[in-house]
N, C-alpha and C. Protein backbone atom coordinates (compact mmCIF):
# COMPACT_ATOMS: atom_id res chain seq x y z
N UNK A 1 -20.89 -19.87 -90.37
CA UNK A 1 -19.64 -19.56 -89.87
C UNK A 1 -19.99 -19.02 -88.37
N UNK A 2 -21.11 -18.49 -88.06
CA UNK A 2 -20.81 -18.59 -86.98
C UNK A 2 -21.17 -19.06 -85.93
N UNK A 3 -22.71 -20.03 -86.25
CA UNK A 3 -23.05 -21.11 -85.81
C UNK A 3 -21.93 -22.08 -86.05
N UNK A 4 -21.45 -22.30 -86.55
CA UNK A 4 -20.59 -23.17 -86.54
C UNK A 4 -19.87 -23.19 -85.36
N UNK A 5 -19.43 -22.22 -84.98
CA UNK A 5 -18.06 -21.23 -83.97
C UNK A 5 -18.44 -21.77 -82.76
N UNK A 6 -19.77 -20.91 -83.13
CA UNK A 6 -21.17 -21.64 -81.75
C UNK A 6 -21.25 -22.84 -80.70
N UNK A 7 -21.12 -23.92 -82.05
CA UNK A 7 -21.90 -24.40 -81.51
C UNK A 7 -20.71 -25.97 -81.14
N UNK A 8 -19.06 -25.60 -81.58
CA UNK A 8 -18.14 -26.26 -81.18
C UNK A 8 -17.65 -25.96 -79.83
N UNK A 9 -18.85 -24.08 -79.73
CA UNK A 9 -17.64 -23.63 -78.48
C UNK A 9 -18.82 -24.08 -77.38
N UNK A 10 -19.55 -24.17 -78.11
CA UNK A 10 -20.72 -23.93 -76.09
C UNK A 10 -20.88 -25.15 -75.82
N UNK A 11 -20.66 -26.71 -75.53
CA UNK A 11 -20.21 -28.15 -75.13
C UNK A 11 -18.79 -27.78 -74.63
N UNK A 12 -17.49 -26.68 -75.04
CA UNK A 12 -16.41 -27.11 -74.06
C UNK A 12 -16.72 -25.74 -72.97
N UNK A 13 -17.40 -24.67 -73.22
CA UNK A 13 -17.96 -23.76 -72.33
C UNK A 13 -18.60 -24.76 -71.08
N UNK A 14 -19.54 -25.05 -71.66
CA UNK A 14 -20.16 -25.94 -70.55
C UNK A 14 -19.96 -27.02 -69.75
N UNK A 15 -19.16 -27.79 -70.73
CA UNK A 15 -17.90 -28.45 -70.17
C UNK A 15 -17.10 -28.00 -68.63
N UNK A 16 -16.34 -27.17 -69.24
CA UNK A 16 -15.37 -26.43 -68.66
C UNK A 16 -15.47 -25.77 -67.10
N UNK A 17 -17.08 -24.86 -66.99
CA UNK A 17 -18.15 -24.24 -66.46
C UNK A 17 -18.35 -25.38 -65.31
N UNK A 18 -18.92 -26.75 -65.46
CA UNK A 18 -19.27 -28.08 -64.77
C UNK A 18 -17.90 -28.19 -63.78
N UNK A 19 -16.55 -28.40 -64.77
CA UNK A 19 -15.59 -28.50 -63.64
C UNK A 19 -15.15 -27.51 -62.79
N UNK A 20 -15.06 -26.33 -63.15
CA UNK A 20 -14.55 -25.28 -62.83
C UNK A 20 -15.18 -23.86 -61.66
N UNK A 21 -16.36 -23.86 -62.52
CA UNK A 21 -17.33 -23.62 -61.36
C UNK A 21 -17.67 -23.68 -60.68
N UNK A 22 -18.64 -22.69 -59.39
CA UNK A 22 -18.87 -22.33 -58.46
C UNK A 22 -19.89 -23.43 -57.97
N UNK A 23 -20.40 -24.68 -56.91
CA UNK A 23 -21.22 -25.17 -56.42
C UNK A 23 -21.79 -24.28 -54.90
N UNK A 24 -23.14 -24.62 -55.15
CA UNK A 24 -24.40 -23.79 -54.96
C UNK A 24 -24.93 -24.71 -54.04
N UNK A 25 -25.29 -23.84 -52.38
CA UNK A 25 -25.81 -24.85 -51.55
C UNK A 25 -27.31 -24.80 -51.91
N UNK A 26 -28.20 -25.27 -51.77
CA UNK A 26 -29.33 -24.99 -51.91
C UNK A 26 -29.75 -24.35 -50.92
N UNK A 27 -31.60 -24.64 -51.58
CA UNK A 27 -31.52 -23.32 -49.94
C UNK A 27 -31.75 -24.37 -48.40
N UNK A 28 -31.56 -23.60 -46.92
CA UNK A 28 -31.70 -23.70 -45.91
C UNK A 28 -32.65 -24.23 -45.26
N UNK A 29 -32.54 -25.12 -44.37
CA UNK A 29 -33.06 -25.82 -43.24
C UNK A 29 -32.53 -24.89 -41.84
N UNK A 30 -33.92 -24.03 -41.16
CA UNK A 30 -33.66 -23.57 -39.65
C UNK A 30 -33.74 -24.31 -38.85
N UNK A 31 -34.34 -25.63 -39.31
CA UNK A 31 -34.75 -26.55 -37.94
C UNK A 31 -35.95 -26.46 -38.56
N UNK A 32 -37.27 -27.05 -37.35
CA UNK A 32 -38.43 -26.90 -37.41
C UNK A 32 -39.03 -25.71 -37.18
N UNK A 33 -39.90 -25.25 -38.13
CA UNK A 33 -40.77 -24.48 -38.55
C UNK A 33 -40.09 -23.02 -38.55
N UNK A 34 -38.47 -22.99 -38.77
CA UNK A 34 -37.43 -22.16 -38.61
C UNK A 34 -37.77 -20.86 -37.55
N UNK A 35 -37.90 -22.14 -36.33
CA UNK A 35 -37.79 -21.42 -34.88
C UNK A 35 -36.45 -21.53 -34.82
N UNK A 36 -36.42 -20.67 -33.88
CA UNK A 36 -35.33 -19.45 -32.81
C UNK A 36 -34.10 -20.83 -31.76
N UNK A 37 -32.89 -20.69 -31.64
CA UNK A 37 -32.47 -21.70 -30.51
C UNK A 37 -32.85 -21.59 -29.09
N UNK A 38 -32.98 -20.09 -28.99
CA UNK A 38 -33.41 -19.12 -28.36
C UNK A 38 -33.79 -18.55 -28.06
N UNK A 39 -34.87 -18.36 -26.96
CA UNK A 39 -35.68 -16.51 -26.15
C UNK A 39 -34.54 -15.48 -26.20
N UNK A 40 -34.37 -14.44 -26.05
CA UNK A 40 -34.19 -13.57 -24.74
C UNK A 40 -33.46 -13.48 -23.97
N UNK A 41 -32.53 -13.30 -23.34
CA UNK A 41 -31.76 -13.08 -22.49
C UNK A 41 -31.12 -14.37 -21.62
N UNK A 42 -32.19 -15.66 -22.57
CA UNK A 42 -31.51 -16.23 -22.13
C UNK A 42 -30.42 -17.69 -22.97
N UNK A 43 -29.62 -18.79 -22.27
CA UNK A 43 -28.24 -19.20 -22.72
C UNK A 43 -28.78 -19.76 -23.54
N UNK A 44 -27.90 -20.00 -25.17
CA UNK A 44 -28.84 -21.44 -25.23
C UNK A 44 -27.38 -22.75 -26.08
N UNK A 45 -27.29 -23.56 -26.33
CA UNK A 45 -26.43 -23.69 -26.62
C UNK A 45 -26.91 -25.24 -28.11
N UNK A 46 -26.10 -24.62 -29.31
CA UNK A 46 -26.28 -25.21 -30.23
C UNK A 46 -25.46 -26.38 -31.12
N UNK A 47 -26.16 -27.72 -31.58
CA UNK A 47 -24.63 -28.10 -31.91
C UNK A 47 -25.44 -28.46 -33.20
N UNK A 48 -24.59 -28.95 -34.36
CA UNK A 48 -24.52 -29.36 -35.71
C UNK A 48 -24.86 -30.64 -35.44
N UNK A 49 -25.67 -31.90 -36.42
CA UNK A 49 -25.65 -32.85 -36.20
C UNK A 49 -23.92 -33.37 -36.62
N UNK A 50 -23.52 -35.16 -36.19
CA UNK A 50 -22.76 -35.15 -35.82
C UNK A 50 -22.09 -35.27 -37.43
N UNK A 51 -20.89 -34.77 -38.93
CA UNK A 51 -20.37 -34.99 -39.15
C UNK A 51 -20.83 -33.08 -40.55
N UNK A 52 -21.43 -32.45 -39.80
CA UNK A 52 -22.53 -32.15 -40.43
C UNK A 52 -21.66 -30.33 -39.38
N UNK A 53 -21.51 -28.88 -40.32
CA UNK A 53 -21.50 -27.56 -40.60
C UNK A 53 -22.52 -27.15 -40.00
N UNK A 54 -21.47 -25.77 -39.97
CA UNK A 54 -22.58 -24.38 -40.07
C UNK A 54 -22.44 -24.17 -41.29
N UNK A 55 -23.26 -23.26 -41.94
CA UNK A 55 -23.27 -22.96 -43.04
C UNK A 55 -24.69 -21.23 -43.32
N UNK A 56 -24.94 -21.37 -41.93
CA UNK A 56 -26.00 -19.68 -41.86
C UNK A 56 -26.43 -20.10 -41.07
N UNK A 57 -27.07 -18.32 -40.78
CA UNK A 57 -26.83 -17.47 -38.98
C UNK A 57 -27.76 -16.35 -39.09
N UNK A 58 -28.65 -16.87 -37.97
CA UNK A 58 -29.44 -15.82 -38.67
C UNK A 58 -29.97 -15.31 -37.60
N UNK A 59 -30.58 -13.79 -37.46
CA UNK A 59 -30.76 -13.42 -36.78
C UNK A 59 -31.25 -11.57 -36.25
N UNK A 60 -31.93 -12.21 -35.16
CA UNK A 60 -33.20 -10.00 -35.22
C UNK A 60 -32.57 -9.67 -33.62
N UNK A 61 -32.73 -8.93 -33.70
CA UNK A 61 -31.95 -7.89 -32.27
C UNK A 61 -33.78 -7.13 -31.59
N UNK A 62 -33.20 -6.76 -30.71
CA UNK A 62 -34.18 -5.98 -30.19
C UNK A 62 -34.19 -4.90 -29.27
N UNK A 63 -33.76 -3.93 -29.02
CA UNK A 63 -33.73 -3.22 -28.21
C UNK A 63 -34.00 -3.07 -26.97
N UNK A 64 -35.75 -3.73 -26.78
CA UNK A 64 -36.36 -3.26 -25.71
C UNK A 64 -36.54 -4.74 -24.72
N UNK A 65 -35.63 -6.10 -25.62
CA UNK A 65 -35.98 -7.41 -25.27
C UNK A 65 -33.89 -7.02 -24.67
N UNK A 66 -33.11 -5.79 -23.77
CA UNK A 66 -32.74 -6.49 -22.97
C UNK A 66 -31.36 -5.98 -24.18
N UNK A 67 -31.27 -4.90 -25.19
CA UNK A 67 -30.66 -5.38 -26.70
C UNK A 67 -29.89 -7.20 -26.86
N UNK A 68 -30.89 -7.60 -26.92
CA UNK A 68 -30.59 -8.58 -27.94
C UNK A 68 -30.42 -9.36 -28.32
N UNK A 69 -30.54 -10.74 -29.15
CA UNK A 69 -30.93 -10.65 -30.81
C UNK A 69 -31.12 -12.50 -29.94
N UNK A 70 -32.30 -12.97 -31.55
CA UNK A 70 -32.83 -13.93 -31.46
C UNK A 70 -31.38 -15.07 -32.11
N UNK A 71 -31.61 -16.41 -32.12
CA UNK A 71 -30.26 -16.79 -32.76
C UNK A 71 -31.09 -17.88 -33.88
N UNK A 72 -30.92 -17.87 -34.92
CA UNK A 72 -30.55 -19.96 -35.74
C UNK A 72 -30.25 -19.88 -36.70
N UNK A 73 -29.48 -20.99 -36.98
CA UNK A 73 -28.64 -21.55 -37.13
C UNK A 73 -28.81 -22.49 -38.73
N UNK A 74 -28.20 -23.38 -40.00
CA UNK A 74 -27.98 -23.92 -40.58
C UNK A 74 -27.25 -24.70 -40.86
N UNK A 75 -27.97 -26.44 -40.51
CA UNK A 75 -25.94 -27.36 -41.10
C UNK A 75 -26.04 -27.77 -42.45
N UNK A 76 -24.84 -28.02 -42.58
CA UNK A 76 -24.86 -28.94 -43.63
C UNK A 76 -24.16 -30.23 -43.75
N UNK A 77 -24.20 -30.51 -44.30
CA UNK A 77 -22.94 -31.95 -44.46
C UNK A 77 -21.34 -32.32 -44.61
N UNK A 78 -20.71 -31.66 -44.25
CA UNK A 78 -18.95 -31.51 -44.32
C UNK A 78 -19.13 -32.28 -46.25
N UNK A 79 -18.20 -31.75 -47.36
CA UNK A 79 -17.69 -32.66 -48.44
C UNK A 79 -17.60 -33.70 -47.77
N UNK A 80 -18.01 -35.04 -48.53
CA UNK A 80 -17.69 -36.28 -48.34
C UNK A 80 -15.67 -36.10 -48.48
N UNK A 81 -15.05 -35.91 -48.98
CA UNK A 81 -13.43 -35.62 -49.50
C UNK A 81 -12.62 -35.35 -47.94
N UNK A 82 -13.62 -34.83 -47.20
CA UNK A 82 -13.14 -34.98 -45.45
C UNK A 82 -12.87 -35.97 -44.67
N UNK A 83 -14.56 -36.28 -45.22
CA UNK A 83 -14.30 -38.00 -44.76
C UNK A 83 -15.07 -37.28 -43.47
N UNK A 84 -15.16 -37.87 -41.94
CA UNK A 84 -16.23 -38.46 -40.81
C UNK A 84 -14.74 -37.26 -39.57
N UNK A 85 -15.90 -36.41 -38.68
CA UNK A 85 -15.07 -36.00 -38.00
C UNK A 85 -13.81 -36.83 -36.79
N UNK A 86 -12.85 -36.30 -36.19
CA UNK A 86 -12.02 -37.92 -36.01
C UNK A 86 -12.46 -36.17 -34.45
N UNK A 87 -12.50 -35.75 -34.54
CA UNK A 87 -12.53 -35.12 -32.97
C UNK A 87 -13.41 -34.26 -32.88
N UNK A 88 -14.07 -34.05 -32.32
CA UNK A 88 -15.42 -32.11 -31.99
C UNK A 88 -15.17 -31.83 -29.89
N UNK A 89 -14.89 -30.77 -30.04
CA UNK A 89 -14.57 -29.22 -29.58
C UNK A 89 -15.31 -28.42 -28.59
N UNK A 90 -15.93 -28.16 -27.08
CA UNK A 90 -15.72 -26.46 -27.65
C UNK A 90 -14.23 -25.58 -27.20
N UNK A 91 -14.16 -24.63 -27.65
CA UNK A 91 -13.26 -23.67 -27.65
C UNK A 91 -13.73 -22.79 -26.42
N UNK A 92 -11.91 -21.73 -26.01
CA UNK A 92 -12.72 -20.98 -24.81
C UNK A 92 -13.60 -20.10 -25.40
N UNK A 93 -14.14 -19.64 -24.06
CA UNK A 93 -15.16 -18.27 -23.45
C UNK A 93 -14.60 -17.05 -24.53
N UNK A 94 -15.67 -16.92 -24.78
CA UNK A 94 -15.11 -15.42 -25.16
C UNK A 94 -16.41 -14.24 -24.67
N UNK A 95 -15.19 -13.36 -23.90
CA UNK A 95 -16.32 -12.72 -22.61
C UNK A 95 -16.87 -12.02 -23.08
N UNK A 96 -18.08 -11.02 -22.63
CA UNK A 96 -19.69 -10.40 -22.93
C UNK A 96 -18.69 -8.42 -22.77
N UNK A 97 -19.40 -7.98 -24.10
CA UNK A 97 -19.15 -7.26 -23.84
C UNK A 97 -17.37 -6.19 -24.54
N UNK A 98 -16.54 -7.24 -25.12
CA UNK A 98 -15.75 -7.40 -25.60
C UNK A 98 -15.60 -7.91 -26.85
N UNK A 99 -14.62 -6.78 -27.53
CA UNK A 99 -13.81 -6.96 -28.69
C UNK A 99 -13.74 -8.72 -29.07
N UNK A 100 -13.41 -9.61 -29.84
CA UNK A 100 -12.56 -10.89 -30.06
C UNK A 100 -12.75 -11.57 -31.52
N UNK A 101 -11.71 -12.27 -31.31
CA UNK A 101 -11.00 -12.93 -32.97
C UNK A 101 -11.02 -14.01 -32.41
N UNK A 102 -11.08 -15.26 -33.20
CA UNK A 102 -11.21 -16.43 -32.37
C UNK A 102 -10.96 -16.76 -33.81
N UNK A 103 -10.46 -18.00 -34.05
CA UNK A 103 -10.41 -19.34 -35.20
C UNK A 103 -10.64 -20.43 -34.27
N UNK A 104 -10.80 -21.60 -34.81
CA UNK A 104 -10.90 -23.24 -33.96
C UNK A 104 -9.39 -23.97 -34.20
N UNK A 105 -9.33 -24.39 -33.00
CA UNK A 105 -7.87 -24.83 -32.95
C UNK A 105 -7.95 -25.69 -33.53
N UNK A 106 -6.94 -26.31 -33.76
CA UNK A 106 -6.32 -28.17 -34.18
C UNK A 106 -7.10 -27.46 -35.72
N UNK A 107 -7.59 -26.88 -36.25
CA UNK A 107 -7.92 -26.34 -37.92
C UNK A 107 -8.64 -27.67 -37.74
N UNK A 108 -9.97 -26.67 -36.61
CA UNK A 108 -10.98 -27.11 -36.20
C UNK A 108 -11.63 -26.30 -37.24
N UNK A 109 -13.20 -26.37 -37.72
CA UNK A 109 -14.35 -25.58 -38.56
C UNK A 109 -15.96 -25.99 -37.72
N UNK A 110 -16.72 -24.90 -37.18
CA UNK A 110 -17.55 -24.47 -36.36
C UNK A 110 -18.77 -25.47 -36.81
N UNK A 111 -18.89 -26.09 -35.84
CA UNK A 111 -20.43 -26.49 -35.84
C UNK A 111 -21.31 -26.12 -34.54
N UNK A 112 -20.92 -24.76 -34.71
CA UNK A 112 -22.11 -24.71 -33.20
C UNK A 112 -21.47 -23.83 -32.82
N UNK A 113 -22.55 -23.51 -31.79
CA UNK A 113 -22.36 -22.19 -30.67
C UNK A 113 -22.88 -22.53 -29.77
N UNK A 114 -22.57 -21.99 -28.72
CA UNK A 114 -23.02 -22.21 -27.20
C UNK A 114 -22.85 -20.14 -26.71
N UNK A 115 -24.13 -19.83 -25.41
CA UNK A 115 -24.05 -18.77 -25.87
C UNK A 115 -24.70 -18.25 -24.22
N UNK A 116 -23.74 -17.42 -23.44
CA UNK A 116 -25.00 -16.71 -22.67
C UNK A 116 -25.00 -15.13 -22.62
N UNK A 117 -26.33 -14.85 -21.77
CA UNK A 117 -26.58 -13.86 -21.29
C UNK A 117 -26.34 -13.26 -20.55
N UNK A 118 -25.41 -11.65 -20.12
CA UNK A 118 -25.55 -11.18 -19.52
C UNK A 118 -25.78 -9.59 -19.05
N UNK A 119 -26.61 -9.73 -17.99
CA UNK A 119 -27.68 -8.27 -18.19
C UNK A 119 -26.42 -6.95 -17.36
N UNK A 120 -25.72 -7.46 -17.34
CA UNK A 120 -25.03 -6.14 -16.42
C UNK A 120 -24.39 -5.77 -17.95
N UNK A 121 -23.50 -6.15 -18.84
CA UNK A 121 -23.46 -5.66 -20.05
C UNK A 121 -23.89 -4.97 -20.77
N UNK A 122 -25.21 -6.02 -20.94
CA UNK A 122 -26.40 -5.91 -21.87
C UNK A 122 -25.29 -6.79 -23.45
N UNK A 123 -25.53 -7.52 -23.05
CA UNK A 123 -24.25 -8.48 -24.35
C UNK A 123 -24.00 -10.41 -23.74
N UNK A 124 -23.92 -10.61 -24.70
CA UNK A 124 -23.17 -11.98 -24.65
C UNK A 124 -21.84 -13.20 -24.40
N UNK A 125 -21.88 -13.65 -24.01
CA UNK A 125 -20.31 -14.85 -24.14
C UNK A 125 -20.65 -15.84 -24.98
N UNK A 126 -19.51 -16.36 -26.07
CA UNK A 126 -19.71 -17.56 -27.13
C UNK A 126 -18.28 -18.35 -26.83
N UNK A 127 -19.13 -19.28 -27.54
CA UNK A 127 -18.21 -20.53 -27.35
C UNK A 127 -18.32 -21.49 -29.40
N UNK A 128 -17.45 -21.93 -29.17
CA UNK A 128 -17.48 -21.78 -31.01
C UNK A 128 -16.83 -23.67 -30.78
N UNK A 129 -18.84 -24.53 -31.31
CA UNK A 129 -18.17 -26.00 -30.96
C UNK A 129 -17.56 -25.93 -31.91
N UNK A 130 -16.14 -27.39 -32.31
CA UNK A 130 -15.11 -27.11 -32.96
C UNK A 130 -15.25 -29.05 -33.63
N UNK A 131 -15.51 -29.07 -34.76
CA UNK A 131 -14.60 -30.29 -35.40
C UNK A 131 -13.71 -30.38 -35.59
N UNK A 132 -12.38 -31.55 -36.16
CA UNK A 132 -11.47 -32.05 -36.87
C UNK A 132 -11.29 -32.50 -37.73
N UNK A 133 -11.06 -32.42 -39.30
CA UNK A 133 -11.63 -33.83 -39.53
C UNK A 133 -10.18 -34.61 -40.39
N UNK A 134 -10.03 -35.25 -39.17
CA UNK A 134 -8.05 -36.03 -39.95
C UNK A 134 -7.65 -34.99 -39.49
N UNK A 135 -6.66 -34.81 -41.02
CA UNK A 135 -5.21 -33.63 -40.75
C UNK A 135 -5.47 -33.21 -41.80
N UNK A 136 -6.78 -32.71 -42.16
CA UNK A 136 -6.94 -31.49 -42.72
C UNK A 136 -6.71 -30.67 -43.12
N UNK A 137 -6.15 -29.51 -43.66
CA UNK A 137 -5.64 -28.04 -43.09
C UNK A 137 -6.55 -26.98 -44.30
N UNK A 138 -6.83 -25.60 -43.04
CA UNK A 138 -6.89 -24.97 -44.21
C UNK A 138 -6.56 -24.08 -44.82
N UNK A 139 -6.66 -23.65 -46.35
CA UNK A 139 -6.69 -22.55 -47.39
C UNK A 139 -7.31 -21.40 -48.22
N UNK A 140 -7.08 -20.42 -48.57
CA UNK A 140 -7.88 -19.49 -49.33
C UNK A 140 -9.02 -19.23 -48.16
N UNK A 141 -8.62 -18.78 -47.03
CA UNK A 141 -9.44 -18.18 -46.17
C UNK A 141 -9.35 -16.44 -47.00
N UNK A 142 -9.98 -15.79 -45.86
CA UNK A 142 -11.16 -14.87 -45.76
C UNK A 142 -12.34 -13.89 -44.89
N UNK A 143 -11.91 -12.77 -44.48
CA UNK A 143 -13.09 -12.66 -43.74
C UNK A 143 -14.96 -12.24 -44.80
N UNK A 144 -15.64 -12.40 -44.39
CA UNK A 144 -16.63 -12.15 -45.05
C UNK A 144 -16.89 -10.38 -44.94
N UNK A 145 -17.96 -10.22 -44.86
CA UNK A 145 -18.09 -8.41 -44.52
C UNK A 145 -19.03 -8.70 -43.26
N UNK A 146 -18.98 -7.37 -42.89
CA UNK A 146 -19.94 -7.14 -41.80
C UNK A 146 -21.58 -8.23 -41.47
N UNK A 147 -22.24 -8.32 -40.72
CA UNK A 147 -23.42 -8.87 -40.19
C UNK A 147 -23.48 -8.48 -38.71
N UNK A 148 -24.36 -8.33 -38.54
CA UNK A 148 -25.30 -7.68 -39.83
C UNK A 148 -24.21 -6.67 -40.79
N UNK A 149 -24.91 -5.40 -41.47
CA UNK A 149 -24.55 -4.21 -41.67
C UNK A 149 -24.41 -3.29 -40.40
N UNK A 150 -25.31 -2.76 -40.25
CA UNK A 150 -25.46 -1.83 -39.26
C UNK A 150 -25.96 -2.02 -37.40
N UNK A 151 -25.20 -1.89 -36.84
CA UNK A 151 -25.85 -2.34 -35.66
C UNK A 151 -27.10 -2.04 -34.97
N UNK A 152 -27.66 -2.84 -34.71
CA UNK A 152 -29.58 -3.17 -34.86
C UNK A 152 -30.01 -3.79 -35.02
N UNK A 153 -29.63 -4.37 -36.97
CA UNK A 153 -30.56 -5.09 -38.13
C UNK A 153 -30.92 -6.20 -37.80
N UNK A 154 -31.36 -6.77 -38.82
CA UNK A 154 -31.30 -8.10 -38.94
C UNK A 154 -29.79 -8.79 -39.52
N UNK A 155 -29.48 -9.72 -39.86
CA UNK A 155 -28.61 -10.35 -39.62
C UNK A 155 -28.96 -11.56 -40.84
N UNK A 156 -28.12 -11.99 -41.75
CA UNK A 156 -29.03 -13.38 -42.42
C UNK A 156 -26.85 -13.75 -43.70
N UNK A 157 -26.57 -14.47 -42.73
CA UNK A 157 -25.54 -14.72 -43.77
C UNK A 157 -25.79 -15.97 -44.27
N UNK A 158 -25.51 -16.15 -45.72
CA UNK A 158 -25.28 -18.28 -45.55
C UNK A 158 -23.92 -17.64 -46.32
N UNK A 159 -23.45 -19.42 -46.48
CA UNK A 159 -22.45 -19.48 -47.10
C UNK A 159 -23.00 -20.58 -48.64
N UNK A 160 -22.70 -19.23 -49.89
CA UNK A 160 -23.03 -19.52 -50.86
C UNK A 160 -22.83 -20.42 -51.49
N UNK A 161 -21.20 -20.82 -51.72
CA UNK A 161 -20.45 -21.35 -51.95
C UNK A 161 -19.80 -22.99 -51.22
N UNK A 162 -20.74 -24.15 -51.79
CA UNK A 162 -19.55 -25.05 -51.37
C UNK A 162 -18.20 -24.88 -51.53
N UNK A 163 -17.96 -25.99 -50.28
CA UNK A 163 -16.20 -26.66 -49.75
C UNK A 163 -15.99 -25.44 -48.89
N UNK A 164 -16.57 -24.31 -49.04
CA UNK A 164 -16.58 -23.27 -47.73
C UNK A 164 -16.24 -23.05 -46.95
N UNK A 165 -15.77 -23.39 -45.48
CA UNK A 165 -16.07 -23.19 -44.22
C UNK A 165 -15.95 -22.59 -43.06
N UNK A 166 -16.66 -22.32 -41.97
CA UNK A 166 -16.43 -21.06 -40.99
C UNK A 166 -15.52 -22.38 -40.45
N UNK A 167 -14.05 -21.09 -39.89
CA UNK A 167 -13.30 -21.39 -39.46
C UNK A 167 -13.48 -21.21 -37.60
N UNK A 168 -13.96 -20.01 -38.08
CA UNK A 168 -14.52 -18.77 -36.66
C UNK A 168 -15.31 -17.58 -36.98
N UNK A 169 -14.62 -16.62 -36.49
CA UNK A 169 -14.96 -14.95 -36.06
C UNK A 169 -13.86 -13.79 -35.88
N UNK A 170 -14.15 -12.97 -36.22
CA UNK A 170 -14.06 -11.66 -35.33
C UNK A 170 -15.17 -10.84 -35.33
N UNK A 171 -15.34 -9.91 -34.07
CA UNK A 171 -16.51 -9.63 -33.73
C UNK A 171 -15.97 -7.79 -33.89
N UNK A 172 -16.96 -6.63 -33.23
CA UNK A 172 -16.52 -5.84 -32.40
C UNK A 172 -18.09 -5.14 -31.99
N UNK A 173 -17.73 -4.58 -31.21
CA UNK A 173 -18.91 -4.92 -30.16
C UNK A 173 -19.42 -2.46 -29.83
N UNK A 174 -20.15 -2.34 -30.24
CA UNK A 174 -20.77 -1.13 -29.83
C UNK A 174 -21.44 -0.75 -28.29
N UNK A 175 -20.27 0.03 -27.46
CA UNK A 175 -20.76 0.12 -26.38
C UNK A 175 -22.39 1.10 -26.40
N UNK A 176 -22.28 1.92 -27.46
CA UNK A 176 -23.89 2.61 -27.06
C UNK A 176 -24.28 1.87 -27.43
N UNK A 177 -24.69 1.40 -28.68
CA UNK A 177 -25.51 0.15 -29.26
C UNK A 177 -25.93 -0.74 -27.87
N UNK A 178 -25.02 -1.59 -28.16
CA UNK A 178 -24.56 -2.48 -27.28
C UNK A 178 -25.30 -4.21 -28.42
N UNK A 179 -24.67 -3.95 -29.28
CA UNK A 179 -24.69 -5.47 -29.62
C UNK A 179 -23.86 -4.94 -30.46
N UNK A 180 -23.45 -6.72 -31.72
CA UNK A 180 -21.96 -6.51 -32.75
C UNK A 180 -21.92 -6.76 -33.31
N UNK A 181 -21.29 -6.54 -34.27
CA UNK A 181 -20.47 -6.63 -34.91
C UNK A 181 -19.89 -7.25 -35.98
N UNK A 182 -20.52 -8.66 -37.02
CA UNK A 182 -19.50 -10.34 -37.14
C UNK A 182 -19.10 -9.89 -38.79
N UNK A 183 -17.92 -10.24 -38.29
CA UNK A 183 -16.60 -10.98 -40.02
C UNK A 183 -16.59 -12.73 -39.06
N UNK A 184 -17.12 -13.22 -40.44
CA UNK A 184 -17.14 -14.77 -39.32
C UNK A 184 -15.32 -15.43 -41.34
N UNK A 185 -14.58 -16.26 -40.42
CA UNK A 185 -13.72 -16.58 -40.82
C UNK A 185 -14.02 -17.77 -41.80
N UNK A 186 -13.75 -18.02 -43.56
CA UNK A 186 -14.22 -18.72 -43.89
C UNK A 186 -12.96 -19.36 -45.05
N UNK A 187 -12.82 -20.64 -45.09
CA UNK A 187 -12.09 -20.90 -45.83
C UNK A 187 -11.77 -22.47 -46.31
N UNK A 188 -10.74 -22.58 -46.99
CA UNK A 188 -10.85 -24.39 -48.28
C UNK A 188 -10.30 -25.52 -47.51
N UNK A 189 -11.26 -26.73 -47.62
CA UNK A 189 -9.82 -27.52 -47.33
C UNK A 189 -8.89 -28.36 -47.74
N UNK A 190 -8.34 -28.91 -47.18
CA UNK A 190 -6.87 -29.39 -48.35
C UNK A 190 -8.05 -30.91 -48.43
N UNK A 191 -7.87 -31.58 -49.37
CA UNK A 191 -8.28 -32.62 -50.08
C UNK A 191 -7.38 -33.83 -49.03
N UNK A 192 -5.98 -33.52 -49.04
CA UNK A 192 -4.95 -34.96 -48.68
C UNK A 192 -4.69 -34.25 -46.89
N UNK A 193 -4.52 -34.66 -46.28
CA UNK A 193 -4.06 -34.42 -44.63
C UNK A 193 -2.26 -34.21 -45.28
N UNK A 194 -1.89 -33.12 -43.45
CA UNK A 194 -1.20 -32.07 -43.74
C UNK A 194 -0.14 -32.16 -42.38
N UNK A 195 0.83 -31.47 -41.98
CA UNK A 195 0.82 -31.95 -40.45
C UNK A 195 1.54 -30.12 -39.96
N UNK A 196 0.75 -29.24 -41.24
CA UNK A 196 0.17 -27.57 -40.15
C UNK A 196 -0.90 -27.57 -39.24
N UNK A 197 -0.21 -26.97 -37.85
CA UNK A 197 -1.76 -26.98 -37.35
C UNK A 197 -2.12 -25.52 -36.20
N UNK A 198 -2.95 -25.29 -36.61
CA UNK A 198 -2.79 -23.33 -35.86
C UNK A 198 -3.38 -23.81 -34.09
N UNK A 199 -2.29 -23.14 -33.27
CA UNK A 199 -2.99 -22.87 -31.90
C UNK A 199 -4.10 -22.17 -31.47
């Protein structure tokens, strides 16, 4: 009797899992030979290819190199349901040596980073490169845990679930360690146009 019940319910469970289970991104390609996008104490500008968004961020810290970090990013195409990006832009600059919170305006998604190092404060200023997809709106937003877990540690943040997108970040800055911890703002996006805009 138990085998009969198992043979009836197992196919139902697998169908339900296929419909409602999380979809996972595959392995990330951080570019050619996993090279860094910057060298210590230098600025950089990284943009995903058209139609792609940031899905992973990797970084290593060096106190002897001016308490600076090397950075690398991975991109993946946005879901087909979002269509093509309708516009892209650089957000306002987040100043070095301060804490900040920023999301992409106009319901945009993060598709790149730009940064400049300032030796006077041993920190970087940042800008997000954002892309808007028609009039899609964010929902089910949340903050990730802190990356890195402690100041001065290596950082490896990955989006494991498909259809969740980075919309911004909040950071804290340690005047003692001269390093930042990041919490990324992650959201789902509607599959239909909506009238709401964030500022």
